[in-house]
Amino acid sequence: MELRLIIFLVILHYVSGHYQLCENNTKVTRSCTTQILGVGHSDVNSCKVEYIPPNSADCTDNFGPMSSNSHIGGVKLKPYILPYTAVHDNRTIYSVNYTVLNITFSNIKWKTMKFRFQNHKNVESHCRNIVISNEVTINDQSVLYYDCYWSLMDGNYNGHSHILDFEATDDSVVNRGQYYFNIPSAQMLSSTTTESDWKPFIYIENLTSSMKLHIMPPPAQLKIMAYQINIMKECDKGTQCNETVKNTTVKLMNNSQEVTYDYSWPIKAGSYYFVVKPIHDKCRSGQVECQFVKSPKIVISVQAHQTLNICIASITALVVATLFAYYIVLRVIRRYWCKEYGQEIPPPTKVLVIYSPANRLHAECVASFVTYLRSEYGIDVMYDGDISSTSHGDPYYWAEEAMKVASHIVYIVGPAENTNLYNNIYDKPINAHTNVDVLLLSLLKAVRASRCQKDIMNVFFEHSNGPVPVETKHDKVFFLLKDWQKLIAYLSKNLLPKKQIMRTEKGKCFLEDLSRAKKLLNGRSDDVIVRCEKNFVEKKVLL
């Protein structure tokens, strides 16, 4: 009996003191000096909690637009149970558990903190202003608690949606923050609650471009393994439905720490909210129904959405404009400062030649055709005769790489199949590798199905009367030698004659001779030195 009396007196003392600190009276000085600086400091002006009338302009309208709150420090919400014992008719004693909401300001970087609690359905607000003197030096370990927003004073608001707006000022820098939350019942915070009944306390931090979900740790006796989080969107007006925008599962690594989850603002404007479901063994196995809790709804307005779109569009336009300006400057520099720009030679066309090596005479014609294109026109031609000169000597690796880098595919049609049956000295094939043409055609078939576009054509020699494969049957056709100029122009991508000639060493020497002759015959007869970098061309000096 004596122990119960002591507890009763302690609770009464706490509640009476709480009334004095949180009294709604502008004449009462409420000091927070001892809490932020310690018991040894008694100057009430070092830290003050100012009361702002709920219907005043400072409380209702004097909060600026949303901005970054990264320089405020820590602002955390945490509900707890406050047991309250009352006496009725001077005889009956009853006790009630109230949910008290605590705000913890940590790592304080501000001098003035104005904040407002507001119920969604109640116009009247709860506003306070915390002022820290400029003469006070605060370190990173500073902590300030405020828990005057509780049911005993402002009515029973358990389960109702609330908003916490706060604005921190340090000299001229203003940082703005906003939290949405529902205050849970005292049962959810009790040490006797079970996993089957428990619902977590959650609140949403509304940032400039995202929403951050905060989930309070479960009571110590509960074994919660994870949280299933769903981001929901209400459908358009006139319909009663909810759309799941995103869902995820967050595993708990430590049951004593708060869990946070960031979600960037959605593309569409509308009303959004979180649904959090705690996962435990009985819930996962289906023994009991999984509990869940819904957050307050946050309305993403059209203006905020348009602002985000305008920001993204502006950044994109700036990047494109910068790249275009860089391209123009580069062209100007190369045009007027680089002497060799006019003589720039485009890289040679990469051409892959496919043919059937069944007939040796036809294979020799193909080899001569490839050699001529390489030496006289500087075209980078690839065919199966190159396999033996590779380091690996593997036909499949060579075919896969050649098909990948080639921009033009040429299939050279061979003679009729009956010409391959004669036994003569040409029966033995030139190349040791067989069926390379079949492999290349299969790869070509796969390339057609992809988005990689290649120029494909068929070339007929005068003896080509054999079948055209299905893979190239509907592509361009060139008959040699009648269409020789058309074929060269097509493979050279209509390159100017001078640049086409410069692709070979012989062509370079020819153009250098022309240039030397032009200088000698049209200008002064100075010494001219001509160098042709080729083994069979000697160094010539003309005086």
Protein backbone atom coordinates (compact mmCIF):
# COMPACT_ATOMS: atom_id res chain seq x y z
CA MET A 1 0.00 0.00 0.00
CA GLU A 2 2.83 2.40 0.80
CA LEU A 3 4.52 1.67 -2.59
CA ARG A 4 1.30 2.46 -4.47
CA LEU A 5 0.98 5.78 -2.64
CA ILE A 6 4.52 6.82 -3.60
CA ILE A 7 3.89 6.04 -7.30
CA PHE A 8 0.62 7.97 -7.20
CA LEU A 9 2.33 11.07 -5.75
CA VAL A 10 5.14 10.93 -8.35
CA ILE A 11 2.63 10.81 -11.21
CA LEU A 12 0.65 13.73 -9.79
CA HIS A 13 3.85 15.77 -9.42
CA TYR A 14 4.84 15.05 -13.04
CA VAL A 15 1.44 15.99 -14.43
CA SER A 16 1.25 19.23 -12.46
CA GLY A 17 4.73 20.19 -13.62
CA HIS A 18 3.80 19.29 -17.19
CA TYR A 19 0.82 21.65 -16.94
CA GLN A 20 3.07 24.50 -15.82
CA LEU A 21 5.56 23.95 -18.66
CA CYS A 22 2.96 23.49 -21.39
CA GLU A 23 0.33 25.96 -20.21
CA ASN A 24 -1.28 27.94 -23.02
CA ASN A 25 -0.45 31.34 -21.63
CA THR A 26 1.81 33.92 -23.22
CA LYS A 27 2.61 35.48 -19.83
CA VAL A 28 4.22 32.34 -18.43
CA THR A 29 7.94 31.96 -19.16
CA ARG A 30 8.80 28.44 -20.24
CA SER A 31 12.52 27.84 -20.14
CA CYS A 32 14.39 24.93 -21.74
CA THR A 33 17.84 26.01 -20.53
CA THR A 34 18.41 23.19 -18.07
CA GLN A 35 17.37 20.59 -20.61
CA ILE A 36 19.69 21.71 -23.39
CA LEU A 37 22.64 22.98 -21.30
CA GLY A 38 22.36 20.98 -18.08
CA VAL A 39 21.18 21.45 -14.51
CA GLY A 40 24.01 23.86 -13.64
CA HIS A 41 22.66 26.59 -15.97
CA SER A 42 19.84 28.74 -14.61
CA ASP A 43 19.55 31.58 -17.13
CA VAL A 44 15.98 31.28 -18.41
CA ASN A 45 16.75 33.37 -21.50
CA SER A 46 19.35 30.99 -22.86
CA CYS A 47 16.58 28.72 -24.19
CA LYS A 48 12.90 29.70 -24.24
CA VAL A 49 9.71 28.04 -25.46
CA GLU A 50 7.32 30.72 -26.69
CA TYR A 51 3.59 30.15 -26.95
CA ILE A 52 1.98 31.20 -30.27
CA PRO A 53 -1.82 31.63 -30.23
CA PRO A 54 -3.43 28.97 -32.44
CA ASN A 55 -5.56 31.40 -34.49
CA SER A 56 -2.86 34.02 -34.99
CA ALA A 57 -1.25 34.74 -38.34
CA ASP A 58 2.13 33.51 -37.05
CA CYS A 59 0.59 30.09 -36.47
CA THR A 60 -1.69 29.69 -39.50
CA ASP A 61 -0.01 31.49 -42.38
CA ASN A 62 3.58 32.25 -41.46
CA PHE A 63 5.22 29.04 -42.80
CA GLY A 64 7.13 29.26 -46.05
CA PRO A 65 7.20 26.80 -48.97
CA MET A 66 8.92 23.42 -48.71
CA SER A 67 12.70 23.54 -48.89
CA SER A 68 15.68 21.38 -48.05
CA ASN A 69 15.95 20.42 -44.37
CA SER A 70 19.35 18.76 -44.56
CA HIS A 71 20.97 21.47 -42.36
CA ILE A 72 18.47 21.35 -39.50
CA GLY A 73 19.90 18.38 -37.67
CA GLY A 74 17.83 15.55 -36.25
CA VAL A 75 14.05 15.85 -35.82
CA LYS A 76 12.46 12.60 -34.67
CA LEU A 77 8.95 11.69 -33.50
CA LYS A 78 8.33 9.04 -30.87
CA PRO A 79 5.12 8.27 -28.93
CA TYR A 80 5.13 6.84 -25.42
CA ILE A 81 2.64 6.01 -22.67
CA LEU A 82 1.88 8.42 -19.82
CA PRO A 83 -0.24 6.87 -17.02
CA TYR A 84 -2.58 9.40 -15.45
CA THR A 85 -4.50 8.86 -12.21
CA ALA A 86 -7.57 10.96 -11.42
CA VAL A 87 -9.93 11.28 -8.44
CA HIS A 88 -13.67 11.40 -9.08
CA ASP A 89 -16.17 12.65 -6.45
CA ASN A 90 -13.34 12.77 -3.90
CA ARG A 91 -13.58 9.01 -3.55
CA THR A 92 -13.24 7.06 -6.82
CA ILE A 93 -9.69 6.70 -8.14
CA TYR A 94 -9.22 5.65 -11.77
CA SER A 95 -6.19 5.51 -14.02
CA VAL A 96 -5.89 6.18 -17.77
CA ASN A 97 -3.00 5.63 -20.16
CA TYR A 98 -2.44 8.52 -22.55
CA THR A 99 -0.32 8.52 -25.68
CA VAL A 100 2.18 11.36 -25.52
CA LEU A 101 4.05 12.44 -28.64
CA ASN A 102 7.68 13.34 -28.08
CA ILE A 103 9.78 15.41 -30.48
CA THR A 104 13.52 14.95 -30.16
CA PHE A 105 15.73 17.68 -31.62
CA SER A 106 19.31 16.40 -31.88
CA ASN A 107 22.54 17.78 -33.36
CA ILE A 108 20.96 21.23 -33.21
CA LYS A 109 22.22 23.63 -35.89
CA TRP A 110 19.59 26.36 -35.55
CA LYS A 111 18.85 29.28 -33.24
CA THR A 112 15.09 29.48 -33.76
CA MET A 113 12.70 26.57 -34.30
CA LYS A 114 9.05 27.34 -34.99
CA PHE A 115 6.75 24.33 -35.27
CA ARG A 116 3.06 23.64 -35.57
CA PHE A 117 0.91 20.56 -34.91
CA GLN A 118 -2.31 20.48 -36.85
CA ASN A 119 -5.15 17.98 -37.00
CA HIS A 120 -6.51 17.27 -40.46
CA LYS A 121 -10.09 17.78 -39.27
CA ASN A 122 -9.40 20.58 -36.82
CA VAL A 123 -8.56 24.12 -37.89
CA GLU A 124 -7.09 25.03 -34.50
CA SER A 125 -3.35 24.40 -34.30
CA HIS A 126 -0.74 23.89 -31.62
CA CYS A 127 2.15 26.30 -32.28
CA ARG A 128 5.37 26.91 -30.40
CA ASN A 129 8.61 28.76 -31.03
CA ILE A 130 11.91 27.65 -29.45
CA VAL A 131 14.49 30.43 -29.23
CA ILE A 132 18.13 29.76 -28.32
CA SER A 133 20.26 32.77 -27.42
CA ASN A 134 23.08 33.70 -29.80
CA GLU A 135 25.45 33.70 -26.83
CA VAL A 136 24.89 29.98 -26.28
CA THR A 137 27.30 27.58 -27.98
CA ILE A 138 25.76 24.22 -28.90
CA ASN A 139 27.78 21.15 -29.85
CA ASP A 140 26.86 18.15 -32.01
CA GLN A 141 25.67 16.19 -28.97
CA SER A 142 22.96 18.69 -28.08
CA VAL A 143 19.48 17.22 -27.52
CA LEU A 144 16.17 18.95 -26.78
CA TYR A 145 12.89 17.16 -26.01
CA TYR A 146 9.38 18.53 -26.41
CA ASP A 147 6.31 16.50 -25.41
CA CYS A 148 3.53 19.02 -24.70
CA TYR A 149 1.31 17.79 -27.53
CA TRP A 150 -0.67 15.10 -25.74
CA SER A 151 -4.22 13.93 -25.26
CA LEU A 152 -4.80 15.34 -21.80
CA MET A 153 -4.56 18.91 -23.09
CA ASP A 154 -5.75 18.82 -26.69
CA GLY A 155 -8.44 16.12 -26.57
CA ASN A 156 -8.44 12.47 -27.58
CA TYR A 157 -6.68 12.37 -30.95
CA ASN A 158 -5.57 8.72 -31.00
CA GLY A 159 -5.73 7.40 -34.54
CA HIS A 160 -6.36 10.82 -36.11
CA SER A 161 -4.16 12.20 -38.89
CA HIS A 162 -1.85 15.05 -37.95
CA ILE A 163 0.76 17.26 -39.60
CA LEU A 164 3.90 18.63 -38.01
CA ASP A 165 5.31 21.71 -39.79
CA PHE A 166 8.61 23.13 -38.62
CA GLU A 167 10.85 25.94 -39.76
CA ALA A 168 14.41 26.29 -38.45
CA THR A 169 16.37 29.53 -38.80
CA ASP A 170 20.08 30.14 -38.34
CA ASP A 171 20.86 33.80 -39.00
CA SER A 172 19.48 34.27 -42.54
CA VAL A 173 19.23 30.60 -43.57
CA VAL A 174 15.74 29.07 -43.33
CA ASN A 175 15.13 25.31 -43.52
CA ARG A 176 11.63 23.87 -43.78
CA GLY A 177 10.28 20.42 -42.87
CA GLN A 178 6.95 18.61 -42.71
CA TYR A 179 5.83 15.30 -41.15
CA TYR A 180 2.53 13.42 -41.60
CA PHE A 181 1.52 10.92 -38.91
CA ASN A 182 -1.26 9.15 -37.02
CA ILE A 183 -0.91 8.92 -33.24
CA PRO A 184 -1.32 5.28 -32.16
CA SER A 185 -3.34 4.01 -29.25
CA ALA A 186 -1.62 3.24 -25.95
CA GLN A 187 -2.26 -0.46 -26.53
CA MET A 188 0.23 -0.49 -29.45
CA LEU A 189 2.95 0.84 -27.12
CA SER A 190 2.20 -1.46 -24.21
CA SER A 191 4.72 -4.01 -23.00
CA THR A 192 1.93 -6.62 -23.03
CA THR A 193 0.95 -6.33 -26.69
CA THR A 194 1.61 -9.31 -28.96
CA GLU A 195 2.66 -9.75 -32.59
CA SER A 196 -0.91 -10.68 -33.51
CA ASP A 197 -2.24 -7.26 -32.40
CA TRP A 198 0.68 -4.87 -32.85
CA LYS A 199 0.70 -2.09 -35.47
CA PRO A 200 3.80 0.10 -35.83
CA PHE A 201 3.89 3.86 -35.42
CA ILE A 202 4.86 5.43 -38.75
CA TYR A 203 5.28 8.96 -40.03
CA ILE A 204 6.11 10.40 -43.45
CA GLU A 205 8.73 13.07 -44.02
CA ASN A 206 7.66 15.23 -46.95
CA LEU A 207 10.79 16.37 -48.83
CA THR A 208 11.20 18.60 -51.88
CA SER A 209 11.40 15.71 -54.36
CA SER A 210 10.62 12.56 -52.36
CA MET A 211 8.79 11.07 -49.40
CA LYS A 212 10.64 9.30 -46.59
CA LEU A 213 8.81 6.72 -44.50
CA HIS A 214 9.86 6.34 -40.84
CA ILE A 215 8.90 3.19 -38.91
CA MET A 216 9.31 3.17 -35.12
CA PRO A 217 11.05 0.08 -33.61
CA PRO A 218 8.70 -2.57 -32.17
CA PRO A 219 8.41 -3.17 -28.40
CA ALA A 220 11.21 -5.31 -26.96
CA GLN A 221 9.02 -8.40 -26.47
CA LEU A 222 8.04 -8.66 -30.16
CA LYS A 223 10.03 -10.53 -32.79
CA ILE A 224 9.36 -8.74 -36.07
CA MET A 225 11.44 -10.00 -38.99
CA ALA A 226 10.55 -7.53 -41.76
CA TYR A 227 8.13 -4.90 -42.99
CA GLN A 228 6.15 -5.20 -46.21
CA ILE A 229 5.71 -1.69 -47.62
CA ASN A 230 3.16 -0.77 -50.29
CA ILE A 231 2.93 2.67 -51.89
CA MET A 232 -0.72 3.26 -52.81
CA LYS A 233 -2.42 5.85 -55.01
CA GLU A 234 -6.06 6.77 -54.86
CA CYS A 235 -7.86 6.54 -58.17
CA ASP A 236 -9.34 9.54 -59.91
CA LYS A 237 -12.42 11.30 -58.60
CA GLY A 238 -15.68 9.44 -59.01
CA THR A 239 -14.13 6.01 -58.46
CA GLN A 240 -13.51 4.10 -55.26
CA CYS A 241 -10.33 2.15 -55.77
CA ASN A 242 -6.66 2.15 -54.80
CA GLU A 243 -3.75 1.41 -57.07
CA THR A 244 -0.50 -0.19 -55.88
CA VAL A 245 2.30 1.95 -57.28
CA LYS A 246 5.19 0.02 -55.73
CA ASN A 247 5.77 -2.66 -53.10
CA THR A 248 8.89 -3.81 -51.33
CA THR A 249 10.04 -5.73 -48.26
CA VAL A 250 12.56 -4.31 -45.79
CA LYS A 251 14.27 -6.79 -43.48
CA LEU A 252 15.05 -5.78 -39.90
CA MET A 253 18.71 -5.99 -38.98
CA ASN A 254 18.20 -4.47 -35.53
CA ASN A 255 14.87 -4.32 -33.67
CA SER A 256 15.96 -1.31 -31.63
CA GLN A 257 16.56 1.12 -34.50
CA GLU A 258 14.14 3.11 -36.62
CA VAL A 259 13.59 1.91 -40.20
CA THR A 260 13.42 4.44 -43.05
CA TYR A 261 12.43 4.03 -46.70
CA ASP A 262 12.80 6.72 -49.41
CA TYR A 263 10.42 6.98 -52.35
CA SER A 264 10.89 9.58 -55.07
CA TRP A 265 7.91 11.64 -56.07
CA PRO A 266 5.72 9.80 -58.59
CA ILE A 267 5.26 10.97 -62.15
CA LYS A 268 1.50 11.47 -61.83
CA ALA A 269 -0.09 13.96 -59.46
CA GLY A 270 -2.60 12.57 -56.99
CA SER A 271 -3.16 11.34 -53.43
CA TYR A 272 -0.59 8.82 -52.13
CA TYR A 273 -0.12 6.92 -48.89
CA PHE A 274 1.92 4.04 -47.40
CA VAL A 275 0.63 0.71 -46.10
CA VAL A 276 3.06 -1.03 -43.71
CA LYS A 277 2.59 -4.66 -42.70
CA PRO A 278 4.86 -6.15 -39.98
CA ILE A 279 5.97 -9.70 -40.81
CA HIS A 280 6.49 -12.32 -38.09
CA ASP A 281 6.44 -16.13 -37.89
CA LYS A 282 2.72 -16.54 -37.17
CA CYS A 283 1.77 -14.05 -39.86
CA ARG A 284 4.04 -15.63 -42.46
CA SER A 285 2.82 -19.16 -41.71
CA GLY A 286 -0.84 -18.09 -41.86
CA GLN A 287 -1.67 -18.90 -38.22
CA VAL A 288 -2.95 -15.35 -37.65
CA GLU A 289 -3.97 -12.53 -39.93
CA CYS A 290 -1.20 -10.04 -40.66
CA GLN A 291 -1.82 -6.62 -39.17
CA PHE A 292 -1.18 -3.45 -41.18
CA VAL A 293 -1.26 0.29 -40.66
CA LYS A 294 -2.00 3.07 -43.15
CA SER A 295 -0.20 6.39 -43.20
CA PRO A 296 -1.96 9.73 -43.74
CA LYS A 297 -2.50 10.66 -47.36
CA ILE A 298 -0.16 13.10 -49.05
CA VAL A 299 -1.50 15.03 -52.02
CA ILE A 300 1.09 15.61 -54.75
CA SER A 301 -0.28 18.72 -56.41
CA VAL A 302 -0.20 19.52 -60.11
CA GLN A 303 1.98 22.56 -59.40
CA ALA A 304 4.62 20.52 -57.59
CA HIS A 305 4.47 17.91 -60.32
CA GLN A 306 4.81 20.53 -63.06
CA THR A 307 7.70 22.13 -61.19
CA LEU A 308 9.49 18.76 -61.11
CA ASN A 309 8.81 18.23 -64.83
CA ILE A 310 9.99 21.74 -65.69
CA CYS A 311 13.18 21.15 -63.69
CA ILE A 312 13.87 17.87 -65.52
CA ALA A 313 13.06 19.43 -68.91
CA SER A 314 15.28 22.43 -68.19
CA ILE A 315 18.22 20.24 -67.22
CA THR A 316 17.73 18.10 -70.34
CA ALA A 317 17.55 21.17 -72.59
CA LEU A 318 20.67 22.61 -70.95
CA VAL A 319 22.61 19.39 -71.56
CA VAL A 320 21.51 19.24 -75.22
CA ALA A 321 22.35 22.90 -75.78
CA THR A 322 25.79 22.45 -74.18
CA LEU A 323 26.57 19.43 -76.37
CA PHE A 324 25.43 21.26 -79.50
CA ALA A 325 27.58 24.29 -78.65
CA TYR A 326 30.55 22.00 -78.02
CA TYR A 327 29.98 20.36 -81.41
CA ILE A 328 29.90 23.74 -83.21
CA VAL A 329 33.08 24.92 -81.47
CA LEU A 330 34.82 21.66 -82.33
CA ARG A 331 33.86 21.97 -85.98
CA VAL A 332 35.15 25.55 -86.11
CA ILE A 333 38.45 24.59 -84.47
CA ARG A 334 38.98 21.68 -86.82
CA ARG A 335 38.01 23.78 -89.82
CA TYR A 336 40.33 26.75 -89.22
CA TRP A 337 43.11 25.48 -86.95
CA CYS A 338 43.68 21.89 -88.04
CA LYS A 339 45.59 21.88 -91.34
CA GLU A 340 44.91 18.23 -91.96
CA TYR A 341 41.13 18.52 -91.51
CA GLY A 342 40.51 18.92 -95.27
CA GLN A 343 42.62 15.83 -95.91
CA GLU A 344 40.86 13.68 -93.31
CA ILE A 345 40.21 10.19 -94.64
CA PRO A 346 37.12 8.38 -93.40
CA PRO A 347 37.76 4.90 -92.00
CA PRO A 348 37.46 2.19 -94.65
CA THR A 349 34.19 0.32 -94.99
CA LYS A 350 34.19 -3.06 -93.25
CA VAL A 351 32.83 -5.63 -95.71
CA LEU A 352 32.19 -9.30 -94.90
CA VAL A 353 32.27 -11.62 -97.93
CA ILE A 354 30.31 -14.87 -97.82
CA TYR A 355 30.52 -17.53 -100.53
CA SER A 356 30.35 -21.27 -101.01
CA PRO A 357 33.84 -22.81 -101.33
CA ALA A 358 32.49 -25.99 -102.93
CA ASN A 359 33.99 -25.02 -106.30
CA ARG A 360 37.72 -24.31 -106.26
CA LEU A 361 37.71 -22.08 -109.35
CA HIS A 362 34.99 -19.94 -107.85
CA ALA A 363 36.89 -19.74 -104.55
CA GLU A 364 39.99 -18.51 -106.38
CA CYS A 365 37.95 -15.79 -108.08
CA VAL A 366 36.63 -14.69 -104.71
CA ALA A 367 40.16 -14.53 -103.28
CA SER A 368 41.32 -12.38 -106.22
CA PHE A 369 38.25 -10.13 -105.85
CA VAL A 370 39.02 -9.59 -102.15
CA THR A 371 42.70 -8.85 -102.81
CA TYR A 372 41.83 -6.31 -105.50
CA LEU A 373 39.35 -4.44 -103.31
CA ARG A 374 41.91 -4.25 -100.50
CA SER A 375 44.89 -3.08 -102.55
CA GLU A 376 43.21 -0.78 -105.09
CA TYR A 377 40.33 0.72 -103.12
CA GLY A 378 41.48 0.42 -99.50
CA ILE A 379 38.28 -1.38 -98.45
CA ASP A 380 38.54 -3.47 -95.28
CA VAL A 381 37.32 -6.83 -96.59
CA MET A 382 36.93 -9.91 -94.38
CA TYR A 383 36.51 -13.49 -95.71
CA ASP A 384 37.21 -17.04 -94.56
CA GLY A 385 40.75 -16.93 -95.91
CA ASP A 386 41.64 -14.75 -92.92
CA ILE A 387 40.91 -17.46 -90.32
CA SER A 388 44.30 -19.13 -90.59
CA SER A 389 46.07 -15.82 -89.85
CA THR A 390 44.22 -15.26 -86.55
CA SER A 391 45.80 -16.14 -83.21
CA HIS A 392 43.03 -18.58 -82.24
CA GLY A 393 42.31 -20.09 -85.69
CA ASP A 394 38.73 -20.78 -84.63
CA PRO A 395 36.12 -20.31 -87.42
CA TYR A 396 33.26 -19.62 -84.99
CA TYR A 397 35.11 -16.87 -83.08
CA TRP A 398 36.20 -15.28 -86.35
CA ALA A 399 32.69 -15.44 -87.84
CA GLU A 400 31.06 -13.97 -84.74
CA GLU A 401 33.51 -11.06 -84.59
CA ALA A 402 33.36 -10.40 -88.34
CA MET A 403 29.56 -10.34 -88.32
CA LYS A 404 29.62 -7.95 -85.39
CA VAL A 405 31.98 -5.32 -86.89
CA ALA A 406 30.91 -5.52 -90.55
CA SER A 407 28.72 -2.74 -91.93
CA HIS A 408 28.24 -4.42 -95.37
CA ILE A 409 27.53 -8.09 -96.09
CA VAL A 410 28.32 -9.37 -99.61
CA TYR A 411 27.19 -12.83 -100.71
CA ILE A 412 28.96 -13.91 -103.90
CA VAL A 413 26.78 -16.36 -105.80
CA GLY A 414 28.65 -19.42 -107.06
CA PRO A 415 28.15 -21.74 -110.04
CA ALA A 416 25.46 -24.40 -110.25
CA GLU A 417 25.90 -27.39 -107.96
CA ASN A 418 26.42 -29.90 -110.80
CA THR A 419 29.68 -28.18 -111.77
CA ASN A 420 31.14 -29.27 -108.43
CA LEU A 421 30.83 -32.98 -109.25
CA TYR A 422 33.59 -33.18 -111.83
CA ASN A 423 36.80 -34.82 -110.67
CA ASN A 424 39.78 -32.69 -111.66
CA ILE A 425 42.80 -31.01 -110.16
CA TYR A 426 40.60 -28.34 -108.62
CA ASP A 427 38.58 -30.73 -106.43
CA LYS A 428 40.68 -29.94 -103.37
CA PRO A 429 39.34 -26.78 -101.62
CA ILE A 430 41.58 -23.78 -101.05
CA ASN A 431 40.75 -23.35 -97.37
CA ALA A 432 40.99 -26.04 -94.74
CA HIS A 433 37.80 -24.88 -93.00
CA THR A 434 34.44 -26.17 -94.26
CA ASN A 435 30.87 -24.95 -93.84
CA VAL A 436 32.00 -21.45 -92.87
CA ASP A 437 29.41 -20.06 -95.28
CA VAL A 438 26.65 -22.01 -93.50
CA LEU A 439 27.81 -20.61 -90.15
CA LEU A 440 27.88 -17.02 -91.45
CA LEU A 441 24.41 -17.33 -93.00
CA SER A 442 22.99 -18.58 -89.69
CA LEU A 443 24.55 -15.61 -87.89
CA LEU A 444 23.16 -13.28 -90.55
CA LYS A 445 19.69 -14.70 -89.93
CA ALA A 446 20.06 -13.88 -86.24
CA VAL A 447 21.28 -10.35 -87.04
CA ARG A 448 18.18 -9.68 -89.13
CA ALA A 449 16.00 -10.43 -86.11
CA SER A 450 17.89 -7.86 -84.01
CA ARG A 451 17.92 -4.09 -84.33
CA CYS A 452 21.45 -4.05 -85.77
CA GLN A 453 21.05 -2.83 -89.36
CA LYS A 454 23.55 -3.91 -92.02
CA ASP A 455 23.72 -3.35 -95.78
CA ILE A 456 23.31 -6.73 -97.47
CA MET A 457 23.78 -7.46 -101.19
CA ASN A 458 24.31 -10.28 -103.72
CA VAL A 459 27.16 -10.18 -106.26
CA PHE A 460 27.06 -12.24 -109.46
CA PHE A 461 30.18 -13.12 -111.43
CA GLU A 462 29.84 -14.05 -115.10
CA HIS A 463 29.85 -17.75 -114.15
CA SER A 464 27.40 -17.35 -111.23
CA ASN A 465 24.33 -19.38 -112.09
CA GLY A 466 23.85 -21.15 -108.76
CA PRO A 467 21.10 -20.66 -106.15
CA VAL A 468 20.82 -17.58 -103.94
CA PRO A 469 20.39 -18.43 -100.23
CA VAL A 470 17.15 -17.56 -98.47
CA GLU A 471 18.97 -15.25 -96.07
CA THR A 472 19.96 -12.81 -98.92
CA LYS A 473 17.35 -13.61 -101.56
CA HIS A 474 15.50 -10.30 -101.32
CA ASP A 475 18.52 -7.96 -101.04
CA LYS A 476 20.35 -5.76 -103.56
CA VAL A 477 21.96 -7.37 -106.65
CA PHE A 478 25.13 -6.36 -108.54
CA PHE A 479 26.25 -8.08 -111.78
CA LEU A 480 29.96 -7.89 -112.49
CA LEU A 481 31.54 -6.45 -114.42
CA LYS A 482 28.56 -4.45 -115.69
CA ASP A 483 27.75 -2.93 -112.26
CA TRP A 484 31.34 -2.52 -111.10
CA GLN A 485 31.21 1.27 -110.65
CA LYS A 486 27.88 1.03 -108.82
CA LEU A 487 29.29 -1.63 -106.47
CA ILE A 488 32.42 0.40 -105.67
CA ALA A 489 30.36 3.57 -105.05
CA TYR A 490 28.02 1.62 -102.78
CA LEU A 491 30.85 0.02 -100.78
CA SER A 492 32.67 3.37 -100.56
CA LYS A 493 29.51 5.16 -99.43
CA ASN A 494 29.83 7.57 -102.42
CA LEU A 495 33.18 8.82 -101.15
CA LEU A 496 34.80 11.69 -103.12
CA PRO A 497 37.38 10.42 -105.65
CA LYS A 498 40.34 12.16 -103.99
CA LYS A 499 39.63 10.65 -100.60
CA GLN A 500 38.91 7.28 -102.18
CA ILE A 501 42.33 7.34 -103.88
CA MET A 502 44.09 8.33 -100.64
CA ARG A 503 42.99 5.09 -98.94
CA THR A 504 45.83 3.13 -100.60
CA GLU A 505 49.60 3.71 -100.54
CA LYS A 506 49.75 3.81 -104.33
CA GLY A 507 46.98 6.38 -104.37
CA LYS A 508 48.79 8.55 -101.81
CA CYS A 509 51.95 8.52 -103.92
CA PHE A 510 49.94 9.41 -107.01
CA LEU A 511 48.33 12.42 -105.32
CA GLU A 512 51.69 13.55 -103.93
CA ASP A 513 53.14 13.44 -107.45
CA LEU A 514 50.25 15.56 -108.71
CA SER A 515 50.73 18.06 -105.89
CA ARG A 516 54.48 18.27 -106.57
CA ALA A 517 53.90 18.85 -110.26
CA LYS A 518 51.34 21.58 -109.56
CA LYS A 519 53.80 23.46 -107.35
CA LEU A 520 56.64 23.19 -109.87
CA LEU A 521 54.68 24.13 -112.93
CA ASN A 522 52.51 26.87 -111.41
CA GLY A 523 54.89 28.39 -108.84
CA ARG A 524 58.58 28.84 -108.02
CA SER A 525 60.95 25.98 -108.77
CA ASP A 526 62.06 25.43 -105.17
CA ASP A 527 63.35 22.16 -103.88
CA VAL A 528 60.61 19.64 -103.44
CA ILE A 529 61.07 16.38 -101.58
CA VAL A 530 58.64 13.54 -102.24
CA ARG A 531 58.41 10.57 -99.89
CA CYS A 532 56.39 7.45 -100.71
CA GLU A 533 56.29 5.17 -97.69
CA LYS A 534 56.16 1.85 -99.52
CA ASN A 535 58.72 -0.92 -99.77
CA PHE A 536 58.75 -1.03 -103.56
CA VAL A 537 58.78 2.77 -104.01
CA GLU A 538 62.14 4.49 -103.59
CA LYS A 539 62.65 7.87 -102.03
CA LYS A 540 62.77 10.47 -104.80
CA VAL A 541 64.32 13.94 -104.53
CA LEU A 542 63.59 16.50 -107.22
CA LEU A 543 65.85 19.56 -107.45
